Every structure is written in C-alpha cells, then in structure tokens.
C-alpha atoms as a PDB file:
ATOM      1  CA  MET A   1      -9.693 -31.140  14.208  1.00  0.00           C
ATOM      2  CA  ARG A   2     -11.139 -30.552  10.581  1.00  0.00           C
ATOM      3  CA  ALA A   3     -12.662 -26.772  12.102  1.00  0.00           C
ATOM      4  CA  ILE A   4      -8.682 -25.915  13.114  1.00  0.00           C
ATOM      5  CA  VAL A   5      -7.732 -27.678   9.443  1.00  0.00           C
ATOM      6  CA  VAL A   6     -10.706 -25.017   8.007  1.00  0.00           C
ATOM      7  CA  CYS A   7      -9.773 -22.172  10.310  1.00  0.00           C
ATOM      8  CA  LEU A   8      -5.801 -23.024   8.609  1.00  0.00           C
ATOM      9  CA  ALA A   9      -7.085 -22.876   5.633  1.00  0.00           C
ATOM     10  CA  ALA A  10      -8.893 -19.889   5.306  1.00  0.00           C
ATOM     11  CA  THR A  11      -6.670 -17.742   6.851  1.00  0.00           C
ATOM     12  CA  LEU A  12      -3.886 -18.847   3.957  1.00  0.00           C
ATOM     13  CA  ALA A  13      -6.396 -17.989   1.470  1.00  0.00           C
ATOM     14  CA  LEU A  14      -7.151 -14.315   3.599  1.00  0.00           C
ATOM     15  CA  ALA A  15      -3.534 -14.145   3.704  1.00  0.00           C
ATOM     16  CA  GLY A  16      -2.841 -14.508  -0.215  1.00  0.00           C
ATOM     17  CA  CYS A  17      -5.456 -12.251  -1.146  1.00  0.00           C
ATOM     18  CA  ASP A  18      -3.684  -9.033   1.263  1.00  0.00           C
ATOM     19  CA  THR A  19      -0.582  -9.909  -1.038  1.00  0.00           C
ATOM     20  CA  TYR A  20      -2.059 -10.369  -3.982  1.00  0.00           C
ATOM     21  CA  ARG A  21      -4.185  -6.723  -3.506  1.00  0.00           C
ATOM     22  CA  ARG A  22      -0.584  -4.910  -2.105  1.00  0.00           C
ATOM     23  CA  MET A  23       0.956  -6.291  -5.354  1.00  0.00           C
ATOM     24  CA  LYS A  24      -1.433  -4.894  -7.783  1.00  0.00           C
ATOM     25  CA  GLU A  25      -2.481  -2.216  -6.074  1.00  0.00           C
ATOM     26  CA  THR A  26       0.738  -0.557  -5.356  1.00  0.00           C
ATOM     27  CA  THR A  27       3.827  -0.972  -7.058  1.00  0.00           C
ATOM     28  CA  PHE A  28       7.506   0.660  -5.857  1.00  0.00           C
ATOM     29  CA  THR A  29       9.799   2.313  -8.096  1.00  0.00           C
ATOM     30  CA  PRO A  30      14.105   2.391  -6.983  1.00  0.00           C
ATOM     31  CA  LEU A  31      15.407   6.206  -7.680  1.00  0.00           C
ATOM     32  CA  GLY A  32      18.731   5.647  -6.861  1.00  0.00           C
ATOM     33  CA  GLY A  33      21.090   7.084  -3.340  1.00  0.00           C
ATOM     34  CA  GLY A  34      18.336   4.885  -1.196  1.00  0.00           C
ATOM     35  CA  VAL A  35      15.419   7.706  -2.292  1.00  0.00           C
ATOM     36  CA  TYR A  36      11.972   5.655  -3.925  1.00  0.00           C
ATOM     37  CA  THR A  37       8.755   6.252  -5.263  1.00  0.00           C
ATOM     38  CA  TYR A  38       5.797   4.564  -3.739  1.00  0.00           C
ATOM     39  CA  THR A  39       2.303   4.498  -5.723  1.00  0.00           C
ATOM     40  CA  ALA A  40      -0.838   2.880  -4.448  1.00  0.00           C
ATOM     41  CA  LYS A  41      -4.251   3.562  -6.073  1.00  0.00           C
ATOM     42  CA  LEU A  42      -7.174   3.771  -4.073  1.00  0.00           C
ATOM     43  CA  GLY A  43     -11.344   4.261  -4.404  1.00  0.00           C
ATOM     44  CA  ALA A  44     -13.307   7.737  -2.777  1.00  0.00           C
ATOM     45  CA  ASP A  45     -16.835   7.827  -2.142  1.00  0.00           C
ATOM     46  CA  SER A  46     -15.925  10.854   0.184  1.00  0.00           C
ATOM     47  CA  GLU A  47     -12.571  13.050   0.329  1.00  0.00           C
ATOM     48  CA  GLN A  48     -13.168  11.054   4.377  1.00  0.00           C
ATOM     49  CA  ASP A  49     -12.425   7.408   2.730  1.00  0.00           C
ATOM     50  CA  ILE A  50      -8.746   8.763   1.371  1.00  0.00           C
ATOM     51  CA  VAL A  51      -7.944  10.433   4.677  1.00  0.00           C
ATOM     52  CA  ASP A  52      -8.871   7.080   6.700  1.00  0.00           C
ATOM     53  CA  SER A  53      -6.972   4.391   4.175  1.00  0.00           C
ATOM     54  CA  GLU A  54      -4.110   6.713   4.579  1.00  0.00           C
ATOM     55  CA  PRO A  55      -2.402   3.689   8.105  1.00  0.00           C
ATOM     56  CA  PHE A  56      -2.815   0.689   5.353  1.00  0.00           C
ATOM     57  CA  ARG A  57      -1.208   3.039   2.318  1.00  0.00           C
ATOM     58  CA  ILE A  58       2.124   3.456   4.973  1.00  0.00           C
ATOM     59  CA  SER A  59       1.182   0.191   6.447  1.00  0.00           C
ATOM     60  CA  ASN A  60       1.232  -1.786   3.440  1.00  0.00           C
ATOM     61  CA  LEU A  61       4.415   0.553   1.704  1.00  0.00           C
ATOM     62  CA  GLU A  62       6.460  -0.739   5.451  1.00  0.00           C
ATOM     63  CA  PHE A  63       5.290  -3.499   4.549  1.00  0.00           C
ATOM     64  CA  TYR A  64       8.095  -3.900   1.354  1.00  0.00           C
ATOM     65  CA  LEU A  65      10.629  -1.997   2.982  1.00  0.00           C
ATOM     66  CA  ARG A  66      10.915  -4.899   6.148  1.00  0.00           C
ATOM     67  CA  GLU A  67      10.723  -7.248   4.245  1.00  0.00           C
ATOM     68  CA  ASN A  68      13.284  -6.657   0.600  1.00  0.00           C
ATOM     69  CA  ARG A  69      15.402  -4.948   3.752  1.00  0.00           C
ATOM     70  CA  LEU A  70      15.335  -1.736   2.895  1.00  0.00           C
ATOM     71  CA  CYS A  71      16.285   1.420   5.021  1.00  0.00           C
ATOM     72  CA  PRO A  72      16.337  -0.370   8.473  1.00  0.00           C
ATOM     73  CA  ALA A  73      17.974   3.131   9.648  1.00  0.00           C
ATOM     74  CA  GLY A  74      13.477   4.613   8.759  1.00  0.00           C
ATOM     75  CA  TYR A  75      12.835   6.993   6.010  1.00  0.00           C
ATOM     76  CA  VAL A  76      10.986  10.087   5.760  1.00  0.00           C
ATOM     77  CA  VAL A  77       8.083  11.078   3.338  1.00  0.00           C
ATOM     78  CA  GLU A  78       9.610  13.864   0.894  1.00  0.00           C
ATOM     79  CA  GLN A  79       6.958  14.617  -0.787  1.00  0.00           C
ATOM     80  CA  ARG A  80       3.211  12.762  -1.313  1.00  0.00           C
ATOM     81  CA  GLU A  81       0.764  13.486  -4.059  1.00  0.00           C
ATOM     82  CA  LEU A  82      -2.809  12.376  -4.094  1.00  0.00           C
ATOM     83  CA  LEU A  83      -3.747  12.129  -8.436  1.00  0.00           C
ATOM     84  CA  LYS A  84      -7.128  11.679  -9.548  1.00  0.00           C
ATOM     85  CA  THR A  85      -7.011   9.145 -12.191  1.00  0.00           C
ATOM     86  CA  GLY A  86     -10.843   8.501 -12.892  1.00  0.00           C
ATOM     87  CA  GLU A  87     -14.966   8.252 -11.380  1.00  0.00           C
ATOM     88  CA  SER A  88     -17.655   6.266 -11.512  1.00  0.00           C
ATOM     89  CA  LEU A  89     -20.504   6.324  -9.382  1.00  0.00           C
ATOM     90  CA  ARG A  90     -19.653   5.357  -6.854  1.00  0.00           C
ATOM     91  CA  GLY A  91     -16.572   7.825  -6.583  1.00  0.00           C
ATOM     92  CA  ALA A  92     -13.272   9.130  -7.626  1.00  0.00           C
ATOM     93  CA  PHE A  93     -10.159   7.154  -8.329  1.00  0.00           C
ATOM     94  CA  TYR A  94      -7.025   8.388  -7.405  1.00  0.00           C
ATOM     95  CA  ASP A  95      -3.577   7.371  -6.965  1.00  0.00           C
ATOM     96  CA  ALA A  96      -1.194   8.340  -3.867  1.00  0.00           C
ATOM     97  CA  HIS A  97       2.045   9.160  -4.723  1.00  0.00           C
ATOM     98  CA  TYR A  98       4.958   9.204  -2.128  1.00  0.00           C
ATOM     99  CA  ARG A  99       8.593   9.553  -2.716  1.00  0.00           C
ATOM    100  CA  ILE A 100      10.703   8.120   0.065  1.00  0.00           C
ATOM    101  CA  ARG A 101      14.287   8.476   1.597  1.00  0.00           C
ATOM    102  CA  CYS A 102      15.738   6.473   3.507  1.00  0.00           C
ATOM    103  CA  ARG A 103      17.457   7.948   6.615  1.00  0.00           C
END
C-alpha cells in the first residue's frame, strides 16, 4: 500500500512539473479571427535537438488548444520561425514562433 501511495505522489509531482514547465516555456497569444501565436523557448546542443524537439512543441500546442476548447476542427500552421536568442557553452537558445489559424 505504501508503494502505491509513493508511486501516486511521484506521478502527481511529475505531472505538476510538466505543467509548470509548459507554462514557463511557452506563450499563447490570440490575435483575433481564429489566429494565434504560439512561442516555445528551447535550448539546443545541436541542430538535431531542434528537429527532435518539434513533436514535443506541437504536442504542447495541441494540449493548449484542447484544454481551452480552441480550434475544434483543427488548425493550420501558417508560419514557423526559429529565432536565436542567445548562446552558452552547451549550445544556443532559441524561440520557436508559430502563427496558427483555426480551420
């Protein structure tokens, strides 16, 4: 029984961390007319890290849309832009900007 409680507590803590990270590292701004901008902050040790993390960013975007009941018929990414915002010894930092339109 104690193991179940510990596992449940760990699962809830991890879920809370994911929600906090999503809120801290992403922004979602309505522009009107079913158009939104979604920005995700990311760090990359290499160009491949940027490619590999794309599904995670899209998953976060879709989570936000679903949780807020936006774009029930889907969406289209009209523009995607990657802007370098800084560098460190481990790699570069970027903001990935997406302009989306609801269908």
